[in-house]
C-alpha atoms as a PDB file:
ATOM      1  CA  UNK A   1      -0.137  -0.010  -0.002  1.00  0.00           C
ATOM      2  CA  UNK A   2       2.845   2.425   0.871  1.00  0.00           C
ATOM      3  CA  UNK A   3       4.430   1.711  -2.497  1.00  0.00           C
ATOM      4  CA  UNK A   4       1.247   2.599  -4.338  1.00  0.00           C
ATOM      5  CA  UNK A   5       0.798   5.781  -2.564  1.00  0.00           C
ATOM      6  CA  UNK A   6       4.402   6.864  -3.266  1.00  0.00           C
ATOM      7  CA  UNK A   7       4.035   5.802  -6.789  1.00  0.00           C
ATOM      8  CA  UNK A   8       0.767   7.912  -7.124  1.00  0.00           C
ATOM      9  CA  UNK A   9       2.353  11.060  -5.464  1.00  0.00           C
ATOM     10  CA  UNK A  10       5.595  10.900  -7.686  1.00  0.00           C
ATOM     11  CA  UNK A  11       4.060   9.594 -10.736  1.00  0.00           C
ATOM     12  CA  UNK A  12       7.042   7.335 -11.355  1.00  0.00           C
ATOM     13  CA  UNK A  13       6.647   4.696 -13.998  1.00  0.00           C
ATOM     14  CA  UNK A  14       6.292   1.148 -12.777  1.00  0.00           C
ATOM     15  CA  UNK A  15       8.663  -0.343 -15.438  1.00  0.00           C
ATOM     16  CA  UNK A  16      11.699  -0.317 -13.218  1.00  0.00           C
ATOM     17  CA  UNK A  17      10.214  -2.280 -10.336  1.00  0.00           C
ATOM     18  CA  UNK A  18      12.517  -5.191  -9.313  1.00  0.00           C
ATOM     19  CA  UNK A  19      11.058  -8.760  -9.813  1.00  0.00           C
ATOM     20  CA  UNK A  20      11.550 -11.086  -7.011  1.00  0.00           C
ATOM     21  CA  UNK A  21      10.536 -14.597  -8.081  1.00  0.00           C
ATOM     22  CA  UNK A  22      10.669 -17.273  -5.431  1.00  0.00           C
ATOM     23  CA  UNK A  23      10.427 -20.759  -7.012  1.00  0.00           C
ATOM     24  CA  UNK A  24       9.316 -23.559  -4.614  1.00  0.00           C
ATOM     25  CA  UNK A  25       9.445 -26.802  -6.356  1.00  0.00           C
ATOM     26  CA  UNK A  26       7.490 -26.316  -9.645  1.00  0.00           C
ATOM     27  CA  UNK A  27       5.285 -23.278  -8.137  1.00  0.00           C
ATOM     28  CA  UNK A  28       6.370 -19.757  -8.881  1.00  0.00           C
ATOM     29  CA  UNK A  29       5.217 -16.989  -6.542  1.00  0.00           C
ATOM     30  CA  UNK A  30       5.446 -13.338  -6.609  1.00  0.00           C
ATOM     31  CA  UNK A  31       5.551 -11.170  -3.386  1.00  0.00           C
ATOM     32  CA  UNK A  32       2.756  -8.493  -3.158  1.00  0.00           C
ATOM     33  CA  UNK A  33       3.310  -4.981  -4.448  1.00  0.00           C
ATOM     34  CA  UNK A  34       3.893  -3.721  -0.867  1.00  0.00           C
ATOM     35  CA  UNK A  35       7.010  -5.700  -0.627  1.00  0.00           C
ATOM     36  CA  UNK A  36       8.792  -3.615  -3.297  1.00  0.00           C
ATOM     37  CA  UNK A  37      10.906  -0.739  -2.094  1.00  0.00           C
ATOM     38  CA  UNK A  38      10.986   1.876  -4.674  1.00  0.00           C
ATOM     39  CA  UNK A  39      13.253   5.081  -4.889  1.00  0.00           C
ATOM     40  CA  UNK A  40      11.176   7.263  -7.394  1.00  0.00           C
ATOM     41  CA  UNK A  41      13.659  10.271  -6.831  1.00  0.00           C
ATOM     42  CA  UNK A  42      17.018   8.450  -7.434  1.00  0.00           C
ATOM     43  CA  UNK A  43      19.486  10.877  -9.205  1.00  0.00           C
ATOM     44  CA  UNK A  44      21.920   8.605 -10.712  1.00  0.00           C
ATOM     45  CA  UNK A  45      21.837   5.279 -12.262  1.00  0.00           C
ATOM     46  CA  UNK A  46      20.756   2.574 -10.071  1.00  0.00           C
ATOM     47  CA  UNK A  47      21.268  -1.185 -10.268  1.00  0.00           C
ATOM     48  CA  UNK A  48      18.373  -3.274  -9.191  1.00  0.00           C
ATOM     49  CA  UNK A  49      19.082  -6.791  -8.080  1.00  0.00           C
ATOM     50  CA  UNK A  50      16.434  -9.625  -8.456  1.00  0.00           C
ATOM     51  CA  UNK A  51      16.949 -12.913  -6.713  1.00  0.00           C
ATOM     52  CA  UNK A  52      15.800 -16.343  -7.829  1.00  0.00           C
ATOM     53  CA  UNK A  53      15.813 -19.174  -5.477  1.00  0.00           C
ATOM     54  CA  UNK A  54      15.398 -22.597  -6.946  1.00  0.00           C
ATOM     55  CA  UNK A  55      15.871 -26.276  -5.913  1.00  0.00           C
ATOM     56  CA  UNK A  56      19.005 -26.752  -8.141  1.00  0.00           C
ATOM     57  CA  UNK A  57      20.606 -23.270  -7.296  1.00  0.00           C
ATOM     58  CA  UNK A  58      20.762 -21.548  -3.991  1.00  0.00           C
ATOM     59  CA  UNK A  59      20.618 -17.954  -5.229  1.00  0.00           C
ATOM     60  CA  UNK A  60      21.023 -16.349  -8.703  1.00  0.00           C
ATOM     61  CA  UNK A  61      21.657 -12.637  -9.090  1.00  0.00           C
ATOM     62  CA  UNK A  62      20.464 -10.849 -11.975  1.00  0.00           C
ATOM     63  CA  UNK A  63      20.972  -7.186 -12.433  1.00  0.00           C
ATOM     64  CA  UNK A  64      18.759  -4.599 -14.396  1.00  0.00           C
ATOM     65  CA  UNK A  65      19.580  -1.005 -15.156  1.00  0.00           C
ATOM     66  CA  UNK A  66      16.985   1.593 -14.340  1.00  0.00           C
ATOM     67  CA  UNK A  67      17.662   3.848 -17.165  1.00  0.00           C
ATOM     68  CA  UNK A  68      14.768   6.426 -16.435  1.00  0.00           C
ATOM     69  CA  UNK A  69      16.499   7.417 -13.148  1.00  0.00           C
ATOM     70  CA  UNK A  70      19.570   8.885 -14.559  1.00  0.00           C
ATOM     71  CA  UNK A  71      20.307  12.693 -14.608  1.00  0.00           C
ATOM     72  CA  UNK A  72      22.552  12.647 -17.782  1.00  0.00           C
ATOM     73  CA  UNK A  73      21.301  14.395 -20.721  1.00  0.00           C
ATOM     74  CA  UNK A  74      20.889  11.759 -23.686  1.00  0.00           C
ATOM     75  CA  UNK A  75      23.582  11.938 -26.105  1.00  0.00           C
ATOM     76  CA  UNK A  76      22.847  14.617 -28.919  1.00  0.00           C
ATOM     77  CA  UNK A  77      22.787  13.774 -32.488  1.00  0.00           C
ATOM     78  CA  UNK A  78      25.561  15.505 -34.502  1.00  0.00           C
ATOM     79  CA  UNK A  79      24.319  19.057 -35.253  1.00  0.00           C
ATOM     80  CA  UNK A  80      24.701  20.548 -38.624  1.00  0.00           C
ATOM     81  CA  UNK A  81      26.892  23.639 -39.198  1.00  0.00           C
ATOM     82  CA  UNK A  82      23.796  25.746 -39.643  1.00  0.00           C
ATOM     83  CA  UNK A  83      22.440  24.469 -36.241  1.00  0.00           C
ATOM     84  CA  UNK A  84      25.905  25.063 -34.604  1.00  0.00           C
ATOM     85  CA  UNK A  85      25.871  28.695 -35.814  1.00  0.00           C
ATOM     86  CA  UNK A  86      22.322  29.112 -34.753  1.00  0.00           C
ATOM     87  CA  UNK A  87      22.964  27.872 -31.286  1.00  0.00           C
ATOM     88  CA  UNK A  88      26.285  30.099 -31.102  1.00  0.00           C
ATOM     89  CA  UNK A  89      24.364  33.289 -32.137  1.00  0.00           C
ATOM     90  CA  UNK A  90      21.705  32.651 -29.551  1.00  0.00           C
ATOM     91  CA  UNK A  91      24.334  32.266 -27.017  1.00  0.00           C
ATOM     92  CA  UNK A  92      26.157  35.396 -28.228  1.00  0.00           C
ATOM     93  CA  UNK A  93      23.007  37.484 -27.966  1.00  0.00           C
ATOM     94  CA  UNK A  94      22.296  36.274 -24.311  1.00  0.00           C
ATOM     95  CA  UNK A  95      26.043  37.151 -23.648  1.00  0.00           C
ATOM     96  CA  UNK A  96      25.582  40.709 -25.190  1.00  0.00           C
ATOM     97  CA  UNK A  97      22.385  41.209 -23.005  1.00  0.00           C
ATOM     98  CA  UNK A  98      24.084  40.217 -19.901  1.00  0.00           C
ATOM     99  CA  UNK A  99      27.128  42.308 -20.567  1.00  0.00           C
ATOM    100  CA  UNK A 100      24.694  45.309 -21.030  1.00  0.00           C
ATOM    101  CA  UNK A 101      23.325  44.369 -17.524  1.00  0.00           C
ATOM    102  CA  UNK A 102      26.666  44.156 -16.067  1.00  0.00           C
ATOM    103  CA  UNK A 103      27.601  47.602 -17.418  1.00  0.00           C
ATOM    104  CA  UNK A 104      24.540  49.271 -16.040  1.00  0.00           C
ATOM    105  CA  UNK A 105      25.293  47.660 -12.471  1.00  0.00           C
ATOM    106  CA  UNK A 106      28.829  48.759 -12.097  1.00  0.00           C
ATOM    107  CA  UNK A 107      29.143  50.514  -8.737  1.00  0.00           C
ATOM    108  CA  UNK A 108      26.156  48.610  -7.232  1.00  0.00           C
ATOM    109  CA  UNK A 109      25.702  45.527  -5.208  1.00  0.00           C
ATOM    110  CA  UNK A 110      24.457  43.733  -8.204  1.00  0.00           C
ATOM    111  CA  UNK A 111      27.635  43.929 -10.212  1.00  0.00           C
ATOM    112  CA  UNK A 112      29.319  40.846  -8.842  1.00  0.00           C
ATOM    113  CA  UNK A 113      26.317  38.679  -9.771  1.00  0.00           C
ATOM    114  CA  UNK A 114      25.826  40.355 -13.285  1.00  0.00           C
ATOM    115  CA  UNK A 115      29.482  40.046 -14.130  1.00  0.00           C
ATOM    116  CA  UNK A 116      29.555  36.292 -13.021  1.00  0.00           C
ATOM    117  CA  UNK A 117      26.448  35.449 -15.355  1.00  0.00           C
ATOM    118  CA  UNK A 118      28.193  37.554 -18.080  1.00  0.00           C
ATOM    119  CA  UNK A 119      31.491  35.627 -17.696  1.00  0.00           C
ATOM    120  CA  UNK A 120      29.656  32.260 -17.738  1.00  0.00           C
ATOM    121  CA  UNK A 121      27.756  33.104 -20.804  1.00  0.00           C
ATOM    122  CA  UNK A 122      30.752  34.383 -22.630  1.00  0.00           C
ATOM    123  CA  UNK A 123      32.769  31.256 -21.569  1.00  0.00           C
ATOM    124  CA  UNK A 124      29.746  29.364 -23.231  1.00  0.00           C
ATOM    125  CA  UNK A 125      30.064  31.348 -26.444  1.00  0.00           C
ATOM    126  CA  UNK A 126      33.769  30.796 -26.680  1.00  0.00           C
ATOM    127  CA  UNK A 127      33.338  27.156 -25.990  1.00  0.00           C
ATOM    128  CA  UNK A 128      30.720  26.736 -28.751  1.00  0.00           C
ATOM    129  CA  UNK A 129      33.028  28.987 -31.152  1.00  0.00           C
ATOM    130  CA  UNK A 130      36.038  26.639 -30.733  1.00  0.00           C
ATOM    131  CA  UNK A 131      33.741  23.750 -31.024  1.00  0.00           C
ATOM    132  CA  UNK A 132      32.297  24.873 -34.327  1.00  0.00           C
ATOM    133  CA  UNK A 133      35.791  25.557 -35.611  1.00  0.00           C
ATOM    134  CA  UNK A 134      36.969  22.103 -34.486  1.00  0.00           C
ATOM    135  CA  UNK A 135      34.184  20.300 -36.100  1.00  0.00           C
ATOM    136  CA  UNK A 136      34.747  22.082 -39.466  1.00  0.00           C
ATOM    137  CA  UNK A 137      38.469  21.328 -39.224  1.00  0.00           C
ATOM    138  CA  UNK A 138      37.715  17.807 -38.550  1.00  0.00           C
ATOM    139  CA  UNK A 139      35.149  17.617 -41.525  1.00  0.00           C
ATOM    140  CA  UNK A 140      37.849  19.071 -43.788  1.00  0.00           C
ATOM    141  CA  UNK A 141      35.653  21.922 -44.886  1.00  0.00           C
ATOM    142  CA  UNK A 142      38.354  24.626 -45.262  1.00  0.00           C
ATOM    143  CA  UNK A 143      36.002  26.813 -47.275  1.00  0.00           C
ATOM    144  CA  UNK A 144      33.219  26.581 -44.995  1.00  0.00           C
ATOM    145  CA  UNK A 145      35.488  27.239 -42.102  1.00  0.00           C
ATOM    146  CA  UNK A 146      37.167  30.216 -43.704  1.00  0.00           C
ATOM    147  CA  UNK A 147      33.524  31.605 -44.517  1.00  0.00           C
ATOM    148  CA  UNK A 148      32.333  30.918 -40.942  1.00  0.00           C
ATOM    149  CA  UNK A 149      35.442  32.795 -39.381  1.00  0.00           C
ATOM    150  CA  UNK A 150      35.184  35.727 -41.752  1.00  0.00           C
ATOM    151  CA  UNK A 151      31.615  36.252 -40.701  1.00  0.00           C
ATOM    152  CA  UNK A 152      31.797  35.638 -36.877  1.00  0.00           C
ATOM    153  CA  UNK A 153      35.404  35.798 -35.645  1.00  0.00           C
ATOM    154  CA  UNK A 154      35.430  39.634 -35.486  1.00  0.00           C
ATOM    155  CA  UNK A 155      32.039  39.500 -33.375  1.00  0.00           C
ATOM    156  CA  UNK A 156      33.716  36.808 -30.997  1.00  0.00           C
ATOM    157  CA  UNK A 157      36.700  38.971 -30.432  1.00  0.00           C
ATOM    158  CA  UNK A 158      34.640  42.120 -29.866  1.00  0.00           C
ATOM    159  CA  UNK A 159      32.621  40.004 -27.170  1.00  0.00           C
ATOM    160  CA  UNK A 160      35.839  39.106 -25.441  1.00  0.00           C
ATOM    161  CA  UNK A 161      37.109  42.689 -25.478  1.00  0.00           C
ATOM    162  CA  UNK A 162      33.818  44.096 -24.191  1.00  0.00           C
ATOM    163  CA  UNK A 163      33.706  41.531 -21.436  1.00  0.00           C
ATOM    164  CA  UNK A 164      37.271  42.442 -20.216  1.00  0.00           C
ATOM    165  CA  UNK A 165      36.304  46.221 -20.511  1.00  0.00           C
ATOM    166  CA  UNK A 166      33.312  45.652 -18.234  1.00  0.00           C
ATOM    167  CA  UNK A 167      35.190  43.652 -15.715  1.00  0.00           C
ATOM    168  CA  UNK A 168      37.908  46.310 -15.627  1.00  0.00           C
ATOM    169  CA  UNK A 169      35.302  49.222 -15.162  1.00  0.00           C
ATOM    170  CA  UNK A 170      33.823  47.196 -12.168  1.00  0.00           C
ATOM    171  CA  UNK A 171      37.085  46.523 -10.603  1.00  0.00           C
ATOM    172  CA  UNK A 172      36.713  42.831 -10.746  1.00  0.00           C
ATOM    173  CA  UNK A 173      39.810  42.328 -12.890  1.00  0.00           C
END
């Protein structure tokens, strides 16, 4: 009964419930639902063990992975160059907004938080930029790499310079 109420409250799927089958002679019994201990809020991959007792063997141990309890993001499919550029520019726009907020808050108590947010977003932009260039180099698309660099490299350099200027203006350098 406890297991049912926990399951209803958390809306956790029942597909990962361990199965304890006890074999007595030729008769197989399954314990009632209340005998299961469930952890619906597990944050990492958990191994659930199931034991089978039979006349021939004392205990057999079988493990099953509960994939729905993982906190990892599923592996993403390989993004196209256009999708990578779109994500880069979205991240760039966000970094510019955060830098504007940080500029406006120079000399206030909010500056430390604003410059930290701007720094994190700027680092994300730089990471995406390096990743995009590395992917294009790995693909051997020299012409496309040159085109992307000519279109976006100046923006990236300007973002870095603007971040440093704001950080120095706030005394966080």
